[in-house]
Amino acid sequence: MYFRFFYCLLFTYSGSLLAATTQPPSELTAVPDTCVALREGRQCYADVVLSWQQPEVGNYCLRDATSKYIMQCWLKQRQGSLNYAFDSTQSISFELFDSNTSQVIAVSEVKLQWVYQNRQKKRRWRLF
């Protein structure tokens, strides 16, 4: 009887220890995460809010994943946000990285979609 009680108590305590030691995951979100253009190949315009949150205070920067262009940096912060004027013909990924170690912590992508895809019309040969 006491063995079962001790056994249950041990598992309950070890579970709470694991829950206390795990840190929340690194987070980078883009809202909206999809930009819709009218036709394929056309520019898509949207105001995107890039928000991030980290479990510990640090020096973090946000950059374009393709060009590695640094958009903004934050010193001694745990969270931040940036308003970005999205203007592109293709999807763009963003990276949050630690400016001290240059290690990428989180990635988010703004995807591009179209209402109408470009389709080649059949061009028939005409005399006039």
N, C-alpha and C. Protein backbone atom coordinates (compact mmCIF):
# COMPACT_ATOMS: atom_id res chain seq x y z
N MET A 1 0.81 -1.19 0.00
CA MET A 1 0.00 0.00 0.00
C MET A 1 0.87 1.26 0.00
N TYR A 2 1.85 1.30 0.90
CA TYR A 2 2.72 2.46 0.96
C TYR A 2 3.59 2.56 -0.29
N PHE A 3 3.93 1.42 -0.84
CA PHE A 3 4.76 1.40 -2.04
C PHE A 3 4.02 2.07 -3.21
N ARG A 4 2.73 1.79 -3.37
CA ARG A 4 1.93 2.40 -4.44
C ARG A 4 1.83 3.91 -4.23
N PHE A 5 1.60 4.31 -3.00
CA PHE A 5 1.51 5.73 -2.69
C PHE A 5 2.83 6.44 -3.02
N PHE A 6 3.94 5.85 -2.60
CA PHE A 6 5.26 6.41 -2.87
C PHE A 6 5.52 6.46 -4.37
N TYR A 7 5.15 5.43 -5.08
CA TYR A 7 5.34 5.32 -6.52
C TYR A 7 4.56 6.42 -7.25
N CYS A 8 3.29 6.64 -6.87
CA CYS A 8 2.46 7.69 -7.48
C CYS A 8 3.02 9.07 -7.16
N LEU A 9 3.45 9.27 -5.94
CA LEU A 9 4.01 10.54 -5.53
C LEU A 9 5.29 10.85 -6.30
N LEU A 10 6.11 9.84 -6.53
CA LEU A 10 7.35 10.01 -7.26
C LEU A 10 7.08 10.44 -8.70
N PHE A 11 6.14 9.80 -9.37
CA PHE A 11 5.83 10.16 -10.75
C PHE A 11 5.20 11.55 -10.85
N THR A 12 4.37 11.91 -9.91
CA THR A 12 3.75 13.23 -9.91
C THR A 12 4.81 14.30 -9.73
N TYR A 13 5.73 14.10 -8.81
CA TYR A 13 6.78 15.07 -8.54
C TYR A 13 7.72 15.20 -9.73
N SER A 14 8.13 14.08 -10.34
CA SER A 14 9.05 14.14 -11.47
C SER A 14 8.40 14.80 -12.67
N GLY A 15 7.08 14.61 -12.86
CA GLY A 15 6.37 15.27 -13.95
C GLY A 15 6.32 16.77 -13.76
N SER A 16 6.12 17.22 -12.53
CA SER A 16 6.09 18.65 -12.28
C SER A 16 7.48 19.26 -12.42
N LEU A 17 8.52 18.51 -12.11
CA LEU A 17 9.88 18.99 -12.32
C LEU A 17 10.17 19.18 -13.80
N LEU A 18 9.76 18.23 -14.62
CA LEU A 18 9.97 18.36 -16.06
C LEU A 18 9.20 19.53 -16.63
N ALA A 19 8.00 19.76 -16.15
CA ALA A 19 7.20 20.88 -16.63
C ALA A 19 7.83 22.20 -16.23
N ALA A 20 8.46 22.25 -15.07
CA ALA A 20 9.06 23.49 -14.60
C ALA A 20 10.36 23.79 -15.33
N THR A 21 11.09 22.78 -15.79
CA THR A 21 12.38 23.03 -16.42
C THR A 21 12.28 23.29 -17.92
N THR A 22 11.18 22.89 -18.57
CA THR A 22 11.07 23.14 -20.00
C THR A 22 10.71 24.59 -20.23
N GLN A 23 11.41 25.20 -21.18
CA GLN A 23 11.17 26.59 -21.51
C GLN A 23 10.22 26.67 -22.69
N PRO A 24 9.46 27.75 -22.78
CA PRO A 24 8.59 27.89 -23.94
C PRO A 24 9.42 28.00 -25.21
N PRO A 25 8.92 27.49 -26.32
CA PRO A 25 9.71 27.50 -27.55
C PRO A 25 9.88 28.92 -28.10
N SER A 26 10.93 29.08 -28.89
CA SER A 26 11.16 30.35 -29.57
C SER A 26 10.05 30.54 -30.59
N GLU A 27 9.62 31.78 -30.74
CA GLU A 27 8.47 32.03 -31.57
C GLU A 27 8.70 33.24 -32.47
N LEU A 28 8.38 33.10 -33.75
CA LEU A 28 8.37 34.20 -34.71
C LEU A 28 7.13 34.01 -35.56
N THR A 29 6.23 34.98 -35.53
CA THR A 29 4.99 34.86 -36.29
C THR A 29 4.83 36.04 -37.23
N ALA A 30 4.24 35.76 -38.39
CA ALA A 30 3.92 36.79 -39.36
C ALA A 30 2.40 36.81 -39.53
N VAL A 31 1.79 37.99 -39.36
CA VAL A 31 0.34 38.12 -39.49
C VAL A 31 0.05 39.25 -40.47
N PRO A 32 -0.60 39.01 -41.57
CA PRO A 32 -1.05 37.72 -42.11
C PRO A 32 0.13 36.94 -42.68
N ASP A 33 0.00 35.63 -42.73
CA ASP A 33 1.09 34.80 -43.25
C ASP A 33 0.92 34.45 -44.72
N THR A 34 -0.13 34.99 -45.35
CA THR A 34 -0.38 34.77 -46.77
C THR A 34 -0.77 36.09 -47.42
N CYS A 35 -0.19 36.35 -48.58
CA CYS A 35 -0.52 37.54 -49.36
C CYS A 35 -1.17 37.06 -50.65
N VAL A 36 -2.31 37.65 -51.00
CA VAL A 36 -3.06 37.20 -52.17
C VAL A 36 -3.01 38.28 -53.25
N ALA A 37 -2.47 37.90 -54.42
CA ALA A 37 -2.44 38.78 -55.58
C ALA A 37 -3.52 38.34 -56.56
N LEU A 38 -3.91 39.25 -57.44
CA LEU A 38 -4.98 38.93 -58.38
C LEU A 38 -4.53 37.91 -59.42
N ARG A 39 -3.37 38.13 -60.02
CA ARG A 39 -2.88 37.22 -61.06
C ARG A 39 -1.47 36.75 -60.73
N GLU A 40 -1.13 35.59 -61.21
CA GLU A 40 0.19 35.01 -61.00
C GLU A 40 1.26 35.90 -61.62
N GLY A 41 2.33 36.15 -60.86
CA GLY A 41 3.43 36.97 -61.35
C GLY A 41 3.29 38.44 -61.03
N ARG A 42 2.16 38.86 -60.51
CA ARG A 42 1.95 40.26 -60.15
C ARG A 42 2.46 40.53 -58.74
N GLN A 43 2.74 41.80 -58.47
CA GLN A 43 3.17 42.21 -57.14
C GLN A 43 2.03 41.99 -56.14
N CYS A 44 2.38 41.58 -54.96
CA CYS A 44 1.41 41.44 -53.88
C CYS A 44 1.80 42.44 -52.79
N TYR A 45 0.82 43.18 -52.31
CA TYR A 45 1.06 44.20 -51.30
C TYR A 45 0.27 43.87 -50.04
N ALA A 46 0.94 43.94 -48.90
CA ALA A 46 0.27 43.70 -47.62
C ALA A 46 1.09 44.33 -46.50
N ASP A 47 0.41 44.74 -45.45
CA ASP A 47 1.08 45.20 -44.23
C ASP A 47 1.17 44.01 -43.29
N VAL A 48 2.39 43.53 -43.08
CA VAL A 48 2.63 42.33 -42.28
C VAL A 48 3.24 42.74 -40.94
N VAL A 49 2.72 42.17 -39.86
CA VAL A 49 3.29 42.40 -38.53
C VAL A 49 4.09 41.16 -38.15
N LEU A 50 5.40 41.35 -37.97
CA LEU A 50 6.29 40.27 -37.56
C LEU A 50 6.52 40.41 -36.05
N SER A 51 6.09 39.40 -35.30
CA SER A 51 6.22 39.42 -33.84
C SER A 51 7.05 38.24 -33.39
N TRP A 52 7.86 38.46 -32.37
CA TRP A 52 8.69 37.38 -31.84
C TRP A 52 8.68 37.42 -30.32
N GLN A 53 8.99 36.26 -29.75
CA GLN A 53 9.04 36.12 -28.29
C GLN A 53 10.08 35.06 -27.95
N GLN A 54 10.88 35.33 -26.94
CA GLN A 54 11.95 34.43 -26.51
C GLN A 54 11.84 34.15 -25.02
N PRO A 55 12.34 33.00 -24.57
CA PRO A 55 12.28 32.68 -23.14
C PRO A 55 13.24 33.50 -22.29
N GLU A 56 14.31 34.02 -22.89
CA GLU A 56 15.27 34.79 -22.09
C GLU A 56 15.66 36.09 -22.79
N VAL A 57 16.08 37.05 -22.00
CA VAL A 57 16.48 38.36 -22.51
C VAL A 57 17.78 38.22 -23.30
N GLY A 58 17.86 38.93 -24.42
CA GLY A 58 19.07 38.86 -25.24
C GLY A 58 19.04 39.90 -26.34
N ASN A 59 20.05 39.85 -27.18
CA ASN A 59 20.16 40.74 -28.33
C ASN A 59 19.74 39.96 -29.57
N TYR A 60 18.64 40.38 -30.20
CA TYR A 60 18.07 39.64 -31.32
C TYR A 60 17.89 40.56 -32.52
N CYS A 61 18.00 39.97 -33.70
CA CYS A 61 17.79 40.71 -34.94
C CYS A 61 16.86 39.93 -35.85
N LEU A 62 16.15 40.66 -36.68
CA LEU A 62 15.23 40.09 -37.66
C LEU A 62 15.75 40.42 -39.04
N ARG A 63 15.81 39.40 -39.92
CA ARG A 63 16.34 39.62 -41.27
C ARG A 63 15.56 38.83 -42.31
N ASP A 64 15.74 39.25 -43.56
CA ASP A 64 15.20 38.52 -44.71
C ASP A 64 16.08 37.29 -44.90
N ALA A 65 15.48 36.12 -44.99
CA ALA A 65 16.25 34.87 -45.05
C ALA A 65 17.00 34.73 -46.37
N THR A 66 16.48 35.28 -47.46
CA THR A 66 17.11 35.13 -48.76
C THR A 66 18.29 36.08 -48.93
N SER A 67 18.05 37.37 -48.73
CA SER A 67 19.09 38.37 -48.96
C SER A 67 19.96 38.62 -47.73
N LYS A 68 19.55 38.11 -46.57
CA LYS A 68 20.25 38.32 -45.29
C LYS A 68 20.27 39.80 -44.88
N TYR A 69 19.35 40.59 -45.43
CA TYR A 69 19.23 42.00 -45.08
C TYR A 69 18.63 42.11 -43.68
N ILE A 70 19.34 42.77 -42.77
CA ILE A 70 18.87 42.94 -41.39
C ILE A 70 17.86 44.08 -41.36
N MET A 71 16.65 43.75 -40.91
CA MET A 71 15.57 44.72 -40.91
C MET A 71 15.52 45.54 -39.62
N GLN A 72 15.75 44.87 -38.48
CA GLN A 72 15.75 45.57 -37.19
C GLN A 72 16.41 44.69 -36.14
N CYS A 73 17.02 45.35 -35.14
CA CYS A 73 17.63 44.64 -34.01
C CYS A 73 17.06 45.18 -32.71
N TRP A 74 17.03 44.33 -31.70
CA TRP A 74 16.57 44.70 -30.37
C TRP A 74 17.65 44.31 -29.37
N LEU A 75 17.99 45.21 -28.44
CA LEU A 75 19.00 44.95 -27.42
C LEU A 75 18.33 44.69 -26.08
N LYS A 76 18.77 43.62 -25.41
CA LYS A 76 18.28 43.25 -24.08
C LYS A 76 16.75 43.19 -24.04
N GLN A 77 16.18 42.42 -24.94
CA GLN A 77 14.73 42.27 -25.03
C GLN A 77 14.34 40.79 -25.04
N ARG A 78 13.10 40.51 -24.67
CA ARG A 78 12.53 39.15 -24.74
C ARG A 78 11.49 39.03 -25.83
N GLN A 79 10.98 40.17 -26.29
CA GLN A 79 9.96 40.16 -27.32
C GLN A 79 10.01 41.45 -28.12
N GLY A 80 9.40 41.42 -29.29
CA GLY A 80 9.37 42.60 -30.13
C GLY A 80 8.48 42.39 -31.33
N SER A 81 8.22 43.47 -32.04
CA SER A 81 7.41 43.37 -33.26
C SER A 81 7.87 44.43 -34.25
N LEU A 82 7.57 44.16 -35.51
CA LEU A 82 7.96 45.05 -36.60
C LEU A 82 6.85 45.07 -37.63
N ASN A 83 6.44 46.27 -38.05
CA ASN A 83 5.47 46.41 -39.14
C ASN A 83 6.25 46.45 -40.44
N TYR A 84 5.92 45.54 -41.35
CA TYR A 84 6.67 45.38 -42.60
C TYR A 84 5.72 45.55 -43.78
N ALA A 85 6.10 46.40 -44.72
CA ALA A 85 5.31 46.60 -45.94
C ALA A 85 5.73 45.55 -46.95
N PHE A 86 4.97 44.47 -47.04
CA PHE A 86 5.26 43.37 -47.96
C PHE A 86 4.94 43.82 -49.37
N ASP A 87 5.92 43.66 -50.27
CA ASP A 87 5.78 44.07 -51.66
C ASP A 87 6.66 43.14 -52.48
N SER A 88 6.08 42.04 -52.99
CA SER A 88 6.90 41.02 -53.64
C SER A 88 6.07 40.22 -54.64
N THR A 89 6.79 39.54 -55.54
CA THR A 89 6.15 38.62 -56.49
C THR A 89 6.37 37.17 -56.07
N GLN A 90 7.03 36.96 -54.95
CA GLN A 90 7.29 35.60 -54.47
C GLN A 90 7.24 35.56 -52.94
N SER A 91 7.15 34.36 -52.40
CA SER A 91 7.12 34.18 -50.95
C SER A 91 8.44 34.61 -50.33
N ILE A 92 8.38 35.13 -49.11
CA ILE A 92 9.58 35.60 -48.42
C ILE A 92 9.63 34.96 -47.03
N SER A 93 10.81 34.47 -46.65
CA SER A 93 11.04 33.92 -45.31
C SER A 93 11.80 34.94 -44.48
N PHE A 94 11.49 34.97 -43.20
CA PHE A 94 12.16 35.86 -42.26
C PHE A 94 12.80 35.02 -41.16
N GLU A 95 13.96 35.48 -40.68
CA GLU A 95 14.71 34.76 -39.65
C GLU A 95 14.94 35.66 -38.44
N LEU A 96 14.75 35.10 -37.27
CA LEU A 96 15.12 35.76 -36.03
C LEU A 96 16.40 35.09 -35.56
N PHE A 97 17.45 35.89 -35.31
CA PHE A 97 18.71 35.31 -34.88
C PHE A 97 19.31 36.08 -33.72
N ASP A 98 20.14 35.38 -32.97
CA ASP A 98 20.87 35.97 -31.84
C ASP A 98 22.04 36.75 -32.42
N SER A 99 22.09 38.06 -32.17
CA SER A 99 23.14 38.88 -32.77
C SER A 99 24.52 38.62 -32.16
N ASN A 100 24.57 38.00 -30.98
CA ASN A 100 25.87 37.68 -30.38
C ASN A 100 26.49 36.45 -31.01
N THR A 101 25.67 35.44 -31.31
CA THR A 101 26.19 34.17 -31.84
C THR A 101 25.88 33.96 -33.32
N SER A 102 25.04 34.81 -33.90
CA SER A 102 24.57 34.68 -35.29
C SER A 102 23.82 33.38 -35.54
N GLN A 103 23.29 32.77 -34.51
CA GLN A 103 22.54 31.53 -34.63
C GLN A 103 21.07 31.85 -34.90
N VAL A 104 20.52 31.21 -35.94
CA VAL A 104 19.11 31.40 -36.28
C VAL A 104 18.25 30.68 -35.24
N ILE A 105 17.30 31.41 -34.67
CA ILE A 105 16.47 30.89 -33.60
C ILE A 105 15.09 30.46 -34.10
N ALA A 106 14.51 31.29 -34.97
CA ALA A 106 13.16 30.99 -35.46
C ALA A 106 13.01 31.50 -36.89
N VAL A 107 12.12 30.85 -37.64
CA VAL A 107 11.87 31.22 -39.04
C VAL A 107 10.37 31.32 -39.26
N SER A 108 9.96 32.31 -40.05
CA SER A 108 8.56 32.46 -40.43
C SER A 108 8.51 32.86 -41.90
N GLU A 109 7.42 32.48 -42.57
CA GLU A 109 7.32 32.74 -44.01
C GLU A 109 5.98 33.39 -44.34
N VAL A 110 6.04 34.38 -45.24
CA VAL A 110 4.83 34.97 -45.81
C VAL A 110 4.71 34.38 -47.20
N LYS A 111 3.66 33.59 -47.40
CA LYS A 111 3.48 32.89 -48.67
C LYS A 111 2.64 33.73 -49.62
N LEU A 112 2.87 33.52 -50.90
CA LEU A 112 2.16 34.25 -51.93
C LEU A 112 1.18 33.32 -52.63
N GLN A 113 -0.04 33.78 -52.82
CA GLN A 113 -1.05 33.01 -53.56
C GLN A 113 -1.72 33.93 -54.56
N TRP A 114 -2.33 33.31 -55.59
CA TRP A 114 -2.99 34.07 -56.63
C TRP A 114 -4.45 33.66 -56.73
N VAL A 115 -5.27 34.60 -57.15
CA VAL A 115 -6.67 34.31 -57.41
C VAL A 115 -6.79 33.62 -58.77
N TYR A 116 -6.09 34.16 -59.78
CA TYR A 116 -6.10 33.59 -61.12
C TYR A 116 -4.69 33.26 -61.54
N GLN A 117 -4.50 32.06 -62.05
CA GLN A 117 -3.19 31.69 -62.60
C GLN A 117 -3.15 32.06 -64.06
N ASN A 118 -1.96 32.45 -64.53
CA ASN A 118 -1.81 32.78 -65.94
C ASN A 118 -1.91 31.52 -66.77
N ARG A 119 -2.78 31.54 -67.72
CA ARG A 119 -2.92 30.41 -68.63
C ARG A 119 -2.72 30.92 -70.05
N GLN A 120 -1.98 30.15 -70.79
CA GLN A 120 -1.75 30.52 -72.18
C GLN A 120 -3.01 30.23 -72.99
N LYS A 121 -3.50 31.25 -73.67
CA LYS A 121 -4.65 31.05 -74.53
C LYS A 121 -4.19 30.39 -75.82
N LYS A 122 -5.07 29.58 -76.37
CA LYS A 122 -4.76 29.01 -77.67
C LYS A 122 -4.86 30.12 -78.70
N ARG A 123 -3.80 30.34 -79.38
CA ARG A 123 -3.80 31.36 -80.42
C ARG A 123 -3.93 30.67 -81.76
N ARG A 124 -5.05 30.89 -82.34
CA ARG A 124 -5.28 30.29 -83.64
C ARG A 124 -4.76 31.22 -84.71
N TRP A 125 -4.32 30.59 -85.74
CA TRP A 125 -3.78 31.36 -86.84
C TRP A 125 -4.90 32.06 -87.59
N ARG A 126 -4.71 33.36 -87.82
CA ARG A 126 -5.73 34.14 -88.52
C ARG A 126 -5.11 34.84 -89.72
N LEU A 127 -5.92 35.01 -90.70
CA LEU A 127 -5.49 35.76 -91.87
C LEU A 127 -5.55 37.25 -91.61
N PHE A 128 -6.59 37.67 -90.94
CA PHE A 128 -6.78 39.11 -90.74
C PHE A 128 -6.79 39.43 -89.28
